[in-house]
Amino acid sequence: MTADDSYDRLDDDDYPAYTMGRAADMLGTTQGFLRALGEARLITPLRSEGGHRRYSRYQLRIAARARELVDRGTPIEAACRIIILEDQLEEAQRINAEYRRTASGQTAAL
């Protein structure tokens, strides 16, 4: 990998650029909170060659949403479930919109 390839990854939301300590600092939370999100399977950090957890910007956004819910008094397990359900709903709505576009295109062709 060249230096240019590394710089290109900085714009990649899924690139695991952040260590657990840095991620916790950025979110204003503890490393234990991030481990709990992993145990609840809300986010699954990638591992470095040395076995250390690494987080992407996308995962940090999810963790931030979980922290918002927990800060409002939602138990962490419930917060994780809410976020998973919100994600599933968003995906279902996207698929439904795609089907509607396809169906309206087929109707127009008739």
PDB file of N, CA and C in Angstrom:
ATOM      1  N   MET A   1       0.857  -1.176   0.000  1.00  0.00           N
ATOM      2  CA  MET A   1       0.000   0.000   0.000  1.00  0.00           C
ATOM      3  C   MET A   1       0.900   1.234   0.000  1.00  0.00           C
ATOM      4  N   THR A   2       0.586   2.167  -0.827  1.00  0.00           N
ATOM      5  CA  THR A   2       1.367   3.400  -0.913  1.00  0.00           C
ATOM      6  C   THR A   2       0.783   4.443   0.031  1.00  0.00           C
ATOM      7  N   ALA A   3       1.506   5.504   0.233  1.00  0.00           N
ATOM      8  CA  ALA A   3       1.018   6.603   1.075  1.00  0.00           C
ATOM      9  C   ALA A   3      -0.253   7.195   0.488  1.00  0.00           C
ATOM     10  N   ASP A   4      -0.318   7.262  -0.859  1.00  0.00           N
ATOM     11  CA  ASP A   4      -1.527   7.806  -1.497  1.00  0.00           C
ATOM     12  C   ASP A   4      -2.738   6.947  -1.183  1.00  0.00           C
ATOM     13  N   ASP A   5      -2.571   5.612  -1.154  1.00  0.00           N
ATOM     14  CA  ASP A   5      -3.676   4.714  -0.814  1.00  0.00           C
ATOM     15  C   ASP A   5      -4.160   4.982   0.611  1.00  0.00           C
ATOM     16  N   SER A   6      -3.227   5.204   1.522  1.00  0.00           N
ATOM     17  CA  SER A   6      -3.591   5.484   2.918  1.00  0.00           C
ATOM     18  C   SER A   6      -4.387   6.761   3.025  1.00  0.00           C
ATOM     19  N   TYR A   7      -3.993   7.787   2.291  1.00  0.00           N
ATOM     20  CA  TYR A   7      -4.727   9.060   2.343  1.00  0.00           C
ATOM     21  C   TYR A   7      -6.124   8.919   1.763  1.00  0.00           C
ATOM     22  N   ASP A   8      -6.277   8.097   0.720  1.00  0.00           N
ATOM     23  CA  ASP A   8      -7.596   7.870   0.139  1.00  0.00           C
ATOM     24  C   ASP A   8      -8.548   7.263   1.159  1.00  0.00           C
ATOM     25  N   ARG A   9      -8.042   6.447   2.048  1.00  0.00           N
ATOM     26  CA  ARG A   9      -8.884   5.795   3.054  1.00  0.00           C
ATOM     27  C   ARG A   9      -9.392   6.755   4.120  1.00  0.00           C
ATOM     28  N   LEU A  10      -8.774   7.909   4.244  1.00  0.00           N
ATOM     29  CA  LEU A  10      -9.222   8.863   5.253  1.00  0.00           C
ATOM     30  C   LEU A  10     -10.650   9.323   4.997  1.00  0.00           C
ATOM     31  N   ASP A  11     -11.100   9.282   3.760  1.00  0.00           N
ATOM     32  CA  ASP A  11     -12.470   9.658   3.419  1.00  0.00           C
ATOM     33  C   ASP A  11     -13.440   8.484   3.507  1.00  0.00           C
ATOM     34  N   ASP A  12     -12.943   7.296   3.781  1.00  0.00           N
ATOM     35  CA  ASP A  12     -13.757   6.089   3.833  1.00  0.00           C
ATOM     36  C   ASP A  12     -14.392   5.958   5.218  1.00  0.00           C
ATOM     37  N   ASP A  13     -15.722   6.048   5.291  1.00  0.00           N
ATOM     38  CA  ASP A  13     -16.442   5.947   6.566  1.00  0.00           C
ATOM     39  C   ASP A  13     -16.268   4.594   7.238  1.00  0.00           C
ATOM     40  N   ASP A  14     -15.915   3.568   6.463  1.00  0.00           N
ATOM     41  CA  ASP A  14     -15.792   2.222   7.013  1.00  0.00           C
ATOM     42  C   ASP A  14     -14.358   1.834   7.361  1.00  0.00           C
ATOM     43  N   TYR A  15     -13.418   2.720   7.108  1.00  0.00           N
ATOM     44  CA  TYR A  15     -12.023   2.420   7.409  1.00  0.00           C
ATOM     45  C   TYR A  15     -11.793   2.520   8.923  1.00  0.00           C
ATOM     46  N   PRO A  16     -11.275   1.466   9.545  1.00  0.00           N
ATOM     47  CA  PRO A  16     -11.097   1.458  11.006  1.00  0.00           C
ATOM     48  C   PRO A  16      -9.885   2.271  11.446  1.00  0.00           C
ATOM     49  N   ALA A  17     -10.035   3.568  11.504  1.00  0.00           N
ATOM     50  CA  ALA A  17      -8.912   4.476  11.733  1.00  0.00           C
ATOM     51  C   ALA A  17      -8.670   4.812  13.204  1.00  0.00           C
ATOM     52  N   TYR A  18      -9.624   4.513  14.080  1.00  0.00           N
ATOM     53  CA  TYR A  18      -9.539   4.996  15.448  1.00  0.00           C
ATOM     54  C   TYR A  18      -9.335   3.867  16.454  1.00  0.00           C
ATOM     55  N   THR A  19      -8.374   4.056  17.343  1.00  0.00           N
ATOM     56  CA  THR A  19      -8.160   3.099  18.423  1.00  0.00           C
ATOM     57  C   THR A  19      -9.300   3.229  19.426  1.00  0.00           C
ATOM     58  N   MET A  20      -9.416   2.254  20.297  1.00  0.00           N
ATOM     59  CA  MET A  20     -10.463   2.295  21.305  1.00  0.00           C
ATOM     60  C   MET A  20     -10.305   3.535  22.196  1.00  0.00           C
ATOM     61  N   GLY A  21      -9.095   3.835  22.604  1.00  0.00           N
ATOM     62  CA  GLY A  21      -8.874   4.998  23.461  1.00  0.00           C
ATOM     63  C   GLY A  21      -9.258   6.292  22.777  1.00  0.00           C
ATOM     64  N   ARG A  22      -8.859   6.429  21.523  1.00  0.00           N
ATOM     65  CA  ARG A  22      -9.188   7.640  20.754  1.00  0.00           C
ATOM     66  C   ARG A  22     -10.692   7.729  20.529  1.00  0.00           C
ATOM     67  N   ALA A  23     -11.320   6.608  20.203  1.00  0.00           N
ATOM     68  CA  ALA A  23     -12.768   6.591  19.981  1.00  0.00           C
ATOM     69  C   ALA A  23     -13.508   6.998  21.251  1.00  0.00           C
ATOM     70  N   ALA A  24     -13.106   6.457  22.381  1.00  0.00           N
ATOM     71  CA  ALA A  24     -13.749   6.804  23.657  1.00  0.00           C
ATOM     72  C   ALA A  24     -13.573   8.288  23.957  1.00  0.00           C
ATOM     73  N   ASP A  25     -12.374   8.815  23.711  1.00  0.00           N
ATOM     74  CA  ASP A  25     -12.132  10.253  23.928  1.00  0.00           C
ATOM     75  C   ASP A  25     -13.024  11.103  23.030  1.00  0.00           C
ATOM     76  N   MET A  26     -13.120  10.729  21.776  1.00  0.00           N
ATOM     77  CA  MET A  26     -13.926  11.500  20.823  1.00  0.00           C
ATOM     78  C   MET A  26     -15.403  11.511  21.221  1.00  0.00           C
ATOM     79  N   LEU A  27     -15.875  10.394  21.769  1.00  0.00           N
ATOM     80  CA  LEU A  27     -17.279  10.282  22.151  1.00  0.00           C
ATOM     81  C   LEU A  27     -17.547  10.794  23.560  1.00  0.00           C
ATOM     82  N   GLY A  28     -16.481  11.038  24.314  1.00  0.00           N
ATOM     83  CA  GLY A  28     -16.653  11.468  25.699  1.00  0.00           C
ATOM     84  C   GLY A  28     -17.213  10.368  26.566  1.00  0.00           C
ATOM     85  N   THR A  29     -16.785   9.150  26.310  1.00  0.00           N
ATOM     86  CA  THR A  29     -17.287   7.993  27.044  1.00  0.00           C
ATOM     87  C   THR A  29     -16.110   7.140  27.500  1.00  0.00           C
ATOM     88  N   THR A  30     -16.401   5.979  28.029  1.00  0.00           N
ATOM     89  CA  THR A  30     -15.339   5.085  28.495  1.00  0.00           C
ATOM     90  C   THR A  30     -15.097   3.970  27.490  1.00  0.00           C
ATOM     91  N   GLN A  31     -13.954   3.345  27.608  1.00  0.00           N
ATOM     92  CA  GLN A  31     -13.663   2.187  26.778  1.00  0.00           C
ATOM     93  C   GLN A  31     -14.620   1.043  27.116  1.00  0.00           C
ATOM     94  N   GLY A  32     -15.025   0.963  28.379  1.00  0.00           N
ATOM     95  CA  GLY A  32     -15.994  -0.054  28.791  1.00  0.00           C
ATOM     96  C   GLY A  32     -17.320   0.089  28.067  1.00  0.00           C
ATOM     97  N   PHE A  33     -17.729   1.342  27.817  1.00  0.00           N
ATOM     98  CA  PHE A  33     -18.964   1.577  27.072  1.00  0.00           C
ATOM     99  C   PHE A  33     -18.839   1.012  25.657  1.00  0.00           C
ATOM    100  N   LEU A  34     -17.706   1.253  25.014  1.00  0.00           N
ATOM    101  CA  LEU A  34     -17.493   0.719  23.664  1.00  0.00           C
ATOM    102  C   LEU A  34     -17.463  -0.807  23.678  1.00  0.00           C
ATOM    103  N   ARG A  35     -16.838  -1.393  24.709  1.00  0.00           N
ATOM    104  CA  ARG A  35     -16.833  -2.855  24.816  1.00  0.00           C
ATOM    105  C   ARG A  35     -18.263  -3.383  24.978  1.00  0.00           C
ATOM    106  N   ALA A  36     -19.077  -2.675  25.773  1.00  0.00           N
ATOM    107  CA  ALA A  36     -20.471  -3.082  25.979  1.00  0.00           C
ATOM    108  C   ALA A  36     -21.256  -3.042  24.670  1.00  0.00           C
ATOM    109  N   LEU A  37     -20.998  -2.043  23.832  1.00  0.00           N
ATOM    110  CA  LEU A  37     -21.672  -1.979  22.528  1.00  0.00           C
ATOM    111  C   LEU A  37     -21.264  -3.158  21.656  1.00  0.00           C
ATOM    112  N   GLY A  38     -20.014  -3.559  21.764  1.00  0.00           N
ATOM    113  CA  GLY A  38     -19.546  -4.733  21.036  1.00  0.00           C
ATOM    114  C   GLY A  38     -20.188  -6.002  21.554  1.00  0.00           C
ATOM    115  N   GLU A  39     -20.297  -6.136  22.873  1.00  0.00           N
ATOM    116  CA  GLU A  39     -20.933  -7.313  23.464  1.00  0.00           C
ATOM    117  C   GLU A  39     -22.403  -7.399  23.078  1.00  0.00           C
ATOM    118  N   ALA A  40     -23.049  -6.246  22.941  1.00  0.00           N
ATOM    119  CA  ALA A  40     -24.456  -6.196  22.522  1.00  0.00           C
ATOM    120  C   ALA A  40     -24.591  -6.359  21.012  1.00  0.00           C
ATOM    121  N   ARG A  41     -23.461  -6.466  20.319  1.00  0.00           N
ATOM    122  CA  ARG A  41     -23.393  -6.638  18.867  1.00  0.00           C
ATOM    123  C   ARG A  41     -23.977  -5.470  18.083  1.00  0.00           C
ATOM    124  N   LEU A  42     -23.923  -4.292  18.689  1.00  0.00           N
ATOM    125  CA  LEU A  42     -24.348  -3.099  17.958  1.00  0.00           C
ATOM    126  C   LEU A  42     -23.264  -2.718  16.959  1.00  0.00           C
ATOM    127  N   ILE A  43     -22.036  -2.746  17.401  1.00  0.00           N
ATOM    128  CA  ILE A  43     -20.900  -2.495  16.517  1.00  0.00           C
ATOM    129  C   ILE A  43     -19.862  -3.591  16.758  1.00  0.00           C
ATOM    130  N   THR A  44     -19.184  -3.966  15.707  1.00  0.00           N
ATOM    131  CA  THR A  44     -18.123  -4.966  15.806  1.00  0.00           C
ATOM    132  C   THR A  44     -16.848  -4.337  15.275  1.00  0.00           C
ATOM    133  N   PRO A  45     -15.990  -3.891  16.190  1.00  0.00           N
ATOM    134  CA  PRO A  45     -14.765  -3.248  15.721  1.00  0.00           C
ATOM    135  C   PRO A  45     -13.853  -4.255  15.035  1.00  0.00           C
ATOM    136  N   LEU A  46     -13.093  -3.768  14.094  1.00  0.00           N
ATOM    137  CA  LEU A  46     -12.076  -4.611  13.476  1.00  0.00           C
ATOM    138  C   LEU A  46     -10.905  -4.697  14.441  1.00  0.00           C
ATOM    139  N   ARG A  47     -10.055  -5.649  14.214  1.00  0.00           N
ATOM    140  CA  ARG A  47      -8.894  -5.820  15.092  1.00  0.00           C
ATOM    141  C   ARG A  47      -7.617  -5.548  14.316  1.00  0.00           C
ATOM    142  N   SER A  48      -6.688  -4.881  14.965  1.00  0.00           N
ATOM    143  CA  SER A  48      -5.376  -4.647  14.360  1.00  0.00           C
ATOM    144  C   SER A  48      -4.601  -5.966  14.400  1.00  0.00           C
ATOM    145  N   GLU A  49      -3.445  -5.988  13.770  1.00  0.00           N
ATOM    146  CA  GLU A  49      -2.623  -7.187  13.792  1.00  0.00           C
ATOM    147  C   GLU A  49      -2.270  -7.579  15.216  1.00  0.00           C
ATOM    148  N   GLY A  50      -2.174  -6.614  16.097  1.00  0.00           N
ATOM    149  CA  GLY A  50      -1.868  -6.880  17.500  1.00  0.00           C
ATOM    150  C   GLY A  50      -3.091  -7.233  18.330  1.00  0.00           C
ATOM    151  N   GLY A  51      -4.278  -7.274  17.702  1.00  0.00           N
ATOM    152  CA  GLY A  51      -5.506  -7.640  18.404  1.00  0.00           C
ATOM    153  C   GLY A  51      -6.256  -6.484  19.040  1.00  0.00           C
ATOM    154  N   HIS A  52      -5.817  -5.253  18.789  1.00  0.00           N
ATOM    155  CA  HIS A  52      -6.473  -4.089  19.379  1.00  0.00           C
ATOM    156  C   HIS A  52      -7.699  -3.691  18.557  1.00  0.00           C
ATOM    157  N   ARG A  53      -8.735  -3.255  19.254  1.00  0.00           N
ATOM    158  CA  ARG A  53      -9.959  -2.816  18.573  1.00  0.00           C
ATOM    159  C   ARG A  53      -9.711  -1.518  17.812  1.00  0.00           C
ATOM    160  N   ARG A  54     -10.280  -1.459  16.603  1.00  0.00           N
ATOM    161  CA  ARG A  54     -10.187  -0.271  15.756  1.00  0.00           C
ATOM    162  C   ARG A  54     -11.592   0.057  15.256  1.00  0.00           C
ATOM    163  N   TYR A  55     -11.955   1.334  15.304  1.00  0.00           N
ATOM    164  CA  TYR A  55     -13.304   1.781  14.964  1.00  0.00           C
ATOM    165  C   TYR A  55     -13.302   2.705  13.753  1.00  0.00           C
ATOM    166  N   SER A  56     -14.361   2.613  12.970  1.00  0.00           N
ATOM    167  CA  SER A  56     -14.540   3.489  11.813  1.00  0.00           C
ATOM    168  C   SER A  56     -15.407   4.683  12.206  1.00  0.00           C
ATOM    169  N   ARG A  57     -15.450   5.680  11.333  1.00  0.00           N
ATOM    170  CA  ARG A  57     -16.315   6.837  11.584  1.00  0.00           C
ATOM    171  C   ARG A  57     -17.784   6.417  11.628  1.00  0.00           C
ATOM    172  N   TYR A  58     -18.158   5.490  10.766  1.00  0.00           N
ATOM    173  CA  TYR A  58     -19.543   4.990  10.779  1.00  0.00           C
ATOM    174  C   TYR A  58     -19.869   4.373  12.139  1.00  0.00           C
ATOM    175  N   GLN A  59     -18.969   3.552  12.664  1.00  0.00           N
ATOM    176  CA  GLN A  59     -19.197   2.929  13.963  1.00  0.00           C
ATOM    177  C   GLN A  59     -19.253   3.977  15.079  1.00  0.00           C
ATOM    178  N   LEU A  60     -18.451   5.019  14.951  1.00  0.00           N
ATOM    179  CA  LEU A  60     -18.473   6.075  15.968  1.00  0.00           C
ATOM    180  C   LEU A  60     -19.800   6.821  15.947  1.00  0.00           C
ATOM    181  N   ARG A  61     -20.388   7.008  14.775  1.00  0.00           N
ATOM    182  CA  ARG A  61     -21.707   7.655  14.705  1.00  0.00           C
ATOM    183  C   ARG A  61     -22.761   6.794  15.394  1.00  0.00           C
ATOM    184  N   ILE A  62     -22.696   5.489  15.194  1.00  0.00           N
ATOM    185  CA  ILE A  62     -23.639   4.580  15.855  1.00  0.00           C
ATOM    186  C   ILE A  62     -23.428   4.625  17.368  1.00  0.00           C
ATOM    187  N   ALA A  63     -22.178   4.587  17.792  1.00  0.00           N
ATOM    188  CA  ALA A  63     -21.868   4.640  19.226  1.00  0.00           C
ATOM    189  C   ALA A  63     -22.342   5.956  19.835  1.00  0.00           C
ATOM    190  N   ALA A  64     -22.209   7.048  19.091  1.00  0.00           N
ATOM    191  CA  ALA A  64     -22.669   8.355  19.585  1.00  0.00           C
ATOM    192  C   ALA A  64     -24.180   8.346  19.773  1.00  0.00           C
ATOM    193  N   ARG A  65     -24.889   7.725  18.840  1.00  0.00           N
ATOM    194  CA  ARG A  65     -26.357   7.621  18.965  1.00  0.00           C
ATOM    195  C   ARG A  65     -26.718   6.791  20.199  1.00  0.00           C
ATOM    196  N   ALA A  66     -25.997   5.703  20.432  1.00  0.00           N
ATOM    197  CA  ALA A  66     -26.242   4.879  21.617  1.00  0.00           C
ATOM    198  C   ALA A  66     -25.981   5.689  22.883  1.00  0.00           C
ATOM    199  N   ARG A  67     -24.930   6.461  22.862  1.00  0.00           N
ATOM    200  CA  ARG A  67     -24.609   7.274  24.038  1.00  0.00           C
ATOM    201  C   ARG A  67     -25.705   8.293  24.313  1.00  0.00           C
ATOM    202  N   GLU A  68     -26.257   8.906  23.263  1.00  0.00           N
ATOM    203  CA  GLU A  68     -27.360   9.857  23.442  1.00  0.00           C
ATOM    204  C   GLU A  68     -28.527   9.196  24.171  1.00  0.00           C
ATOM    205  N   LEU A  69     -28.888   7.993  23.717  1.00  0.00           N
ATOM    206  CA  LEU A  69     -30.012   7.275  24.331  1.00  0.00           C
ATOM    207  C   LEU A  69     -29.706   6.907  25.781  1.00  0.00           C
ATOM    208  N   VAL A  70     -28.499   6.426  26.024  1.00  0.00           N
ATOM    209  CA  VAL A  70     -28.107   6.041  27.387  1.00  0.00           C
ATOM    210  C   VAL A  70     -28.079   7.265  28.296  1.00  0.00           C
ATOM    211  N   ASP A  71     -27.588   8.377  27.780  1.00  0.00           N
ATOM    212  CA  ASP A  71     -27.554   9.613  28.568  1.00  0.00           C
ATOM    213  C   ASP A  71     -28.953  10.089  28.945  1.00  0.00           C
ATOM    214  N   ARG A  72     -29.952   9.713  28.145  1.00  0.00           N
ATOM    215  CA  ARG A  72     -31.346  10.084  28.438  1.00  0.00           C
ATOM    216  C   ARG A  72     -32.018   9.076  29.367  1.00  0.00           C
ATOM    217  N   GLY A  73     -31.259   8.057  29.790  1.00  0.00           N
ATOM    218  CA  GLY A  73     -31.804   7.099  30.745  1.00  0.00           C
ATOM    219  C   GLY A  73     -32.207   5.753  30.166  1.00  0.00           C
ATOM    220  N   THR A  74     -31.979   5.534  28.898  1.00  0.00           N
ATOM    221  CA  THR A  74     -32.314   4.251  28.276  1.00  0.00           C
ATOM    222  C   THR A  74     -31.234   3.231  28.639  1.00  0.00           C
ATOM    223  N   PRO A  75     -31.623   2.046  29.117  1.00  0.00           N
ATOM    224  CA  PRO A  75     -30.609   1.013  29.387  1.00  0.00           C
ATOM    225  C   PRO A  75     -29.838   0.674  28.104  1.00  0.00           C
ATOM    226  N   ILE A  76     -28.580   0.330  28.250  1.00  0.00           N
ATOM    227  CA  ILE A  76     -27.716   0.128  27.081  1.00  0.00           C
ATOM    228  C   ILE A  76     -28.259  -0.960  26.153  1.00  0.00           C
ATOM    229  N   GLU A  77     -28.797  -2.043  26.714  1.00  0.00           N
ATOM    230  CA  GLU A  77     -29.343  -3.112  25.869  1.00  0.00           C
ATOM    231  C   GLU A  77     -30.521  -2.605  25.047  1.00  0.00           C
ATOM    232  N   ALA A  78     -31.382  -1.793  25.664  1.00  0.00           N
ATOM    233  CA  ALA A  78     -32.532  -1.224  24.961  1.00  0.00           C
ATOM    234  C   ALA A  78     -32.077  -0.219  23.913  1.00  0.00           C
ATOM    235  N   ALA A  79     -31.071   0.583  24.241  1.00  0.00           N
ATOM    236  CA  ALA A  79     -30.544   1.559  23.282  1.00  0.00           C
ATOM    237  C   ALA A  79     -30.016   0.844  22.042  1.00  0.00           C
ATOM    238  N   CYS A  80     -29.288  -0.238  22.255  1.00  0.00           N
ATOM    239  CA  CYS A  80     -28.752  -0.999  21.118  1.00  0.00           C
ATOM    240  C   CYS A  80     -29.886  -1.557  20.270  1.00  0.00           C
ATOM    241  N   ARG A  81     -30.910  -2.087  20.910  1.00  0.00           N
ATOM    242  CA  ARG A  81     -32.045  -2.650  20.169  1.00  0.00           C
ATOM    243  C   ARG A  81     -32.777  -1.560  19.386  1.00  0.00           C
ATOM    244  N   ILE A  82     -32.957  -0.402  19.982  1.00  0.00           N
ATOM    245  CA  ILE A  82     -33.613   0.719  19.296  1.00  0.00           C
ATOM    246  C   ILE A  82     -32.842   1.090  18.041  1.00  0.00           C
ATOM    247  N   ILE A  83     -31.534   1.195  18.154  1.00  0.00           N
ATOM    248  CA  ILE A  83     -30.710   1.588  17.007  1.00  0.00           C
ATOM    249  C   ILE A  83     -30.766   0.529  15.916  1.00  0.00           C
ATOM    250  N   ILE A  84     -30.729  -0.738  16.305  1.00  0.00           N
ATOM    251  CA  ILE A  84     -30.828  -1.825  15.320  1.00  0.00           C
ATOM    252  C   ILE A  84     -32.172  -1.756  14.604  1.00  0.00           C
ATOM    253  N   LEU A  85     -33.250  -1.546  15.355  1.00  0.00           N
ATOM    254  CA  LEU A  85     -34.584  -1.459  14.743  1.00  0.00           C
ATOM    255  C   LEU A  85     -34.709  -0.231  13.844  1.00  0.00           C
ATOM    256  N   GLU A  86     -34.132   0.897  14.260  1.00  0.00           N
ATOM    257  CA  GLU A  86     -34.152   2.092  13.409  1.00  0.00           C
ATOM    258  C   GLU A  86     -33.433   1.812  12.093  1.00  0.00           C
ATOM    259  N   ASP A  87     -32.316   1.121  12.175  1.00  0.00           N
ATOM    260  CA  ASP A  87     -31.545   0.784  10.971  1.00  0.00           C
ATOM    261  C   ASP A  87     -32.339  -0.150  10.062  1.00  0.00           C
ATOM    262  N   GLN A  88     -32.992  -1.144  10.656  1.00  0.00           N
ATOM    263  CA  GLN A  88     -33.804  -2.076   9.861  1.00  0.00           C
ATOM    264  C   GLN A  88     -34.978  -1.354   9.203  1.00  0.00           C
ATOM    265  N   LEU A  89     -35.606  -0.436   9.921  1.00  0.00           N
ATOM    266  CA  LEU A  89     -36.714   0.330   9.357  1.00  0.00           C
ATOM    267  C   LEU A  89     -36.244   1.183   8.184  1.00  0.00           C
ATOM    268  N   GLU A  90     -35.101   1.847   8.355  1.00  0.00           N
ATOM    269  CA  GLU A  90     -34.556   2.670   7.273  1.00  0.00           C
ATOM    270  C   GLU A  90     -34.276   1.820   6.030  1.00  0.00           C
ATOM    271  N   GLU A  91     -33.713   0.643   6.230  1.00  0.00           N
ATOM    272  CA  GLU A  91     -33.422  -0.252   5.103  1.00  0.00           C
ATOM    273  C   GLU A  91     -34.716  -0.709   4.429  1.00  0.00           C
ATOM    274  N   ALA A  92     -35.726  -1.065   5.221  1.00  0.00           N
ATOM    275  CA  ALA A  92     -37.011  -1.496   4.661  1.00  0.00           C
ATOM    276  C   ALA A  92     -37.661  -0.369   3.864  1.00  0.00           C
ATOM    277  N   GLN A  93     -37.576   0.849   4.369  1.00  0.00           N
ATOM    278  CA  GLN A  93     -38.141   1.991   3.647  1.00  0.00           C
ATOM    279  C   GLN A  93     -37.399   2.233   2.335  1.00  0.00           C
ATOM    280  N   ARG A  94     -36.095   2.056   2.349  1.00  0.00           N
ATOM    281  CA  ARG A  94     -35.301   2.218   1.123  1.00  0.00           C
ATOM    282  C   ARG A  94     -35.699   1.165   0.103  1.00  0.00           C
ATOM    283  N   ILE A  95     -35.860  -0.079   0.537  1.00  0.00           N
ATOM    284  CA  ILE A  95     -36.253  -1.165  -0.367  1.00  0.00           C
ATOM    285  C   ILE A  95     -37.655  -0.917  -0.920  1.00  0.00           C
ATOM    286  N   ASN A  96     -38.575  -0.480  -0.066  1.00  0.00           N
ATOM    287  CA  ASN A  96     -39.943  -0.192  -0.524  1.00  0.00           C
ATOM    288  C   ASN A  96     -39.952   0.925  -1.559  1.00  0.00           C
ATOM    289  N   ALA A  97     -39.167   1.956  -1.336  1.00  0.00           N
ATOM    290  CA  ALA A  97     -39.092   3.059  -2.295  1.00  0.00           C
ATOM    291  C   ALA A  97     -38.537   2.563  -3.625  1.00  0.00           C
ATOM    292  N   GLU A  98     -37.562   1.673  -3.557  1.00  0.00           N
ATOM    293  CA  GLU A  98     -36.981   1.091  -4.771  1.00  0.00           C
ATOM    294  C   GLU A  98     -38.036   0.274  -5.530  1.00  0.00           C
ATOM    295  N   TYR A  99     -38.812  -0.531  -4.798  1.00  0.00           N
ATOM    296  CA  TYR A  99     -39.880  -1.316  -5.431  1.00  0.00           C
ATOM    297  C   TYR A  99     -40.917  -0.409  -6.080  1.00  0.00           C
ATOM    298  N   ARG A 100     -41.281   0.665  -5.389  1.00  0.00           N
ATOM    299  CA  ARG A 100     -42.274   1.593  -5.949  1.00  0.00           C
ATOM    300  C   ARG A 100     -41.759   2.229  -7.237  1.00  0.00           C
ATOM    301  N   ARG A 101     -40.476   2.620  -7.249  1.00  0.00           N
ATOM    302  CA  ARG A 101     -39.904   3.203  -8.470  1.00  0.00           C
ATOM    303  C   ARG A 101     -39.918   2.180  -9.607  1.00  0.00           C
ATOM    304  N   THR A 102     -39.549   0.950  -9.308  1.00  0.00           N
ATOM    305  CA  THR A 102     -39.527  -0.108 -10.308  1.00  0.00           C
ATOM    306  C   THR A 102     -40.942  -0.382 -10.826  1.00  0.00           C
ATOM    307  N   ALA A 103     -41.902  -0.462  -9.900  1.00  0.00           N
ATOM    308  CA  ALA A 103     -43.288  -0.737 -10.279  1.00  0.00           C
ATOM    309  C   ALA A 103     -43.869   0.410 -11.110  1.00  0.00           C
ATOM    310  N   SER A 104     -43.573   1.623 -10.754  1.00  0.00           N
ATOM    311  CA  SER A 104     -44.123   2.759 -11.522  1.00  0.00           C
ATOM    312  C   SER A 104     -43.460   2.815 -12.910  1.00  0.00           C
ATOM    313  N   GLY A 105     -42.214   2.404 -13.006  1.00  0.00           N
ATOM    314  CA  GLY A 105     -41.532   2.353 -14.292  1.00  0.00           C
ATOM    315  C   GLY A 105     -42.117   1.282 -15.186  1.00  0.00           C
ATOM    316  N   GLN A 106     -42.498   0.154 -14.601  1.00  0.00           N
ATOM    317  CA  GLN A 106     -43.100  -0.930 -15.377  1.00  0.00           C
ATOM    318  C   GLN A 106     -44.498  -0.561 -15.822  1.00  0.00           C
ATOM    319  N   THR A 107     -45.243   0.151 -14.945  1.00  0.00           N
ATOM    320  CA  THR A 107     -46.592   0.596 -15.303  1.00  0.00           C
ATOM    321  C   THR A 107     -46.539   1.610 -16.421  1.00  0.00           C
ATOM    322  N   ALA A 108     -45.593   2.516 -16.377  1.00  0.00           N
ATOM    323  CA  ALA A 108     -45.459   3.535 -17.411  1.00  0.00           C
ATOM    324  C   ALA A 108     -45.095   2.924 -18.763  1.00  0.00           C
ATOM    325  N   ALA A 109     -44.362   1.801 -18.732  1.00  0.00           N
ATOM    326  CA  ALA A 109     -43.949   1.139 -19.966  1.00  0.00           C
ATOM    327  C   ALA A 109     -45.112   0.412 -20.631  1.00  0.00           C
ATOM    328  N   LEU A 110     -46.155   0.120 -19.855  1.00  0.00           N
ATOM    329  CA  LEU A 110     -47.307  -0.577 -20.431  1.00  0.00           C
ATOM    330  C   LEU A 110     -48.125   0.396 -21.165  1.00  0.00           C
TER     331      LEU A 110
END
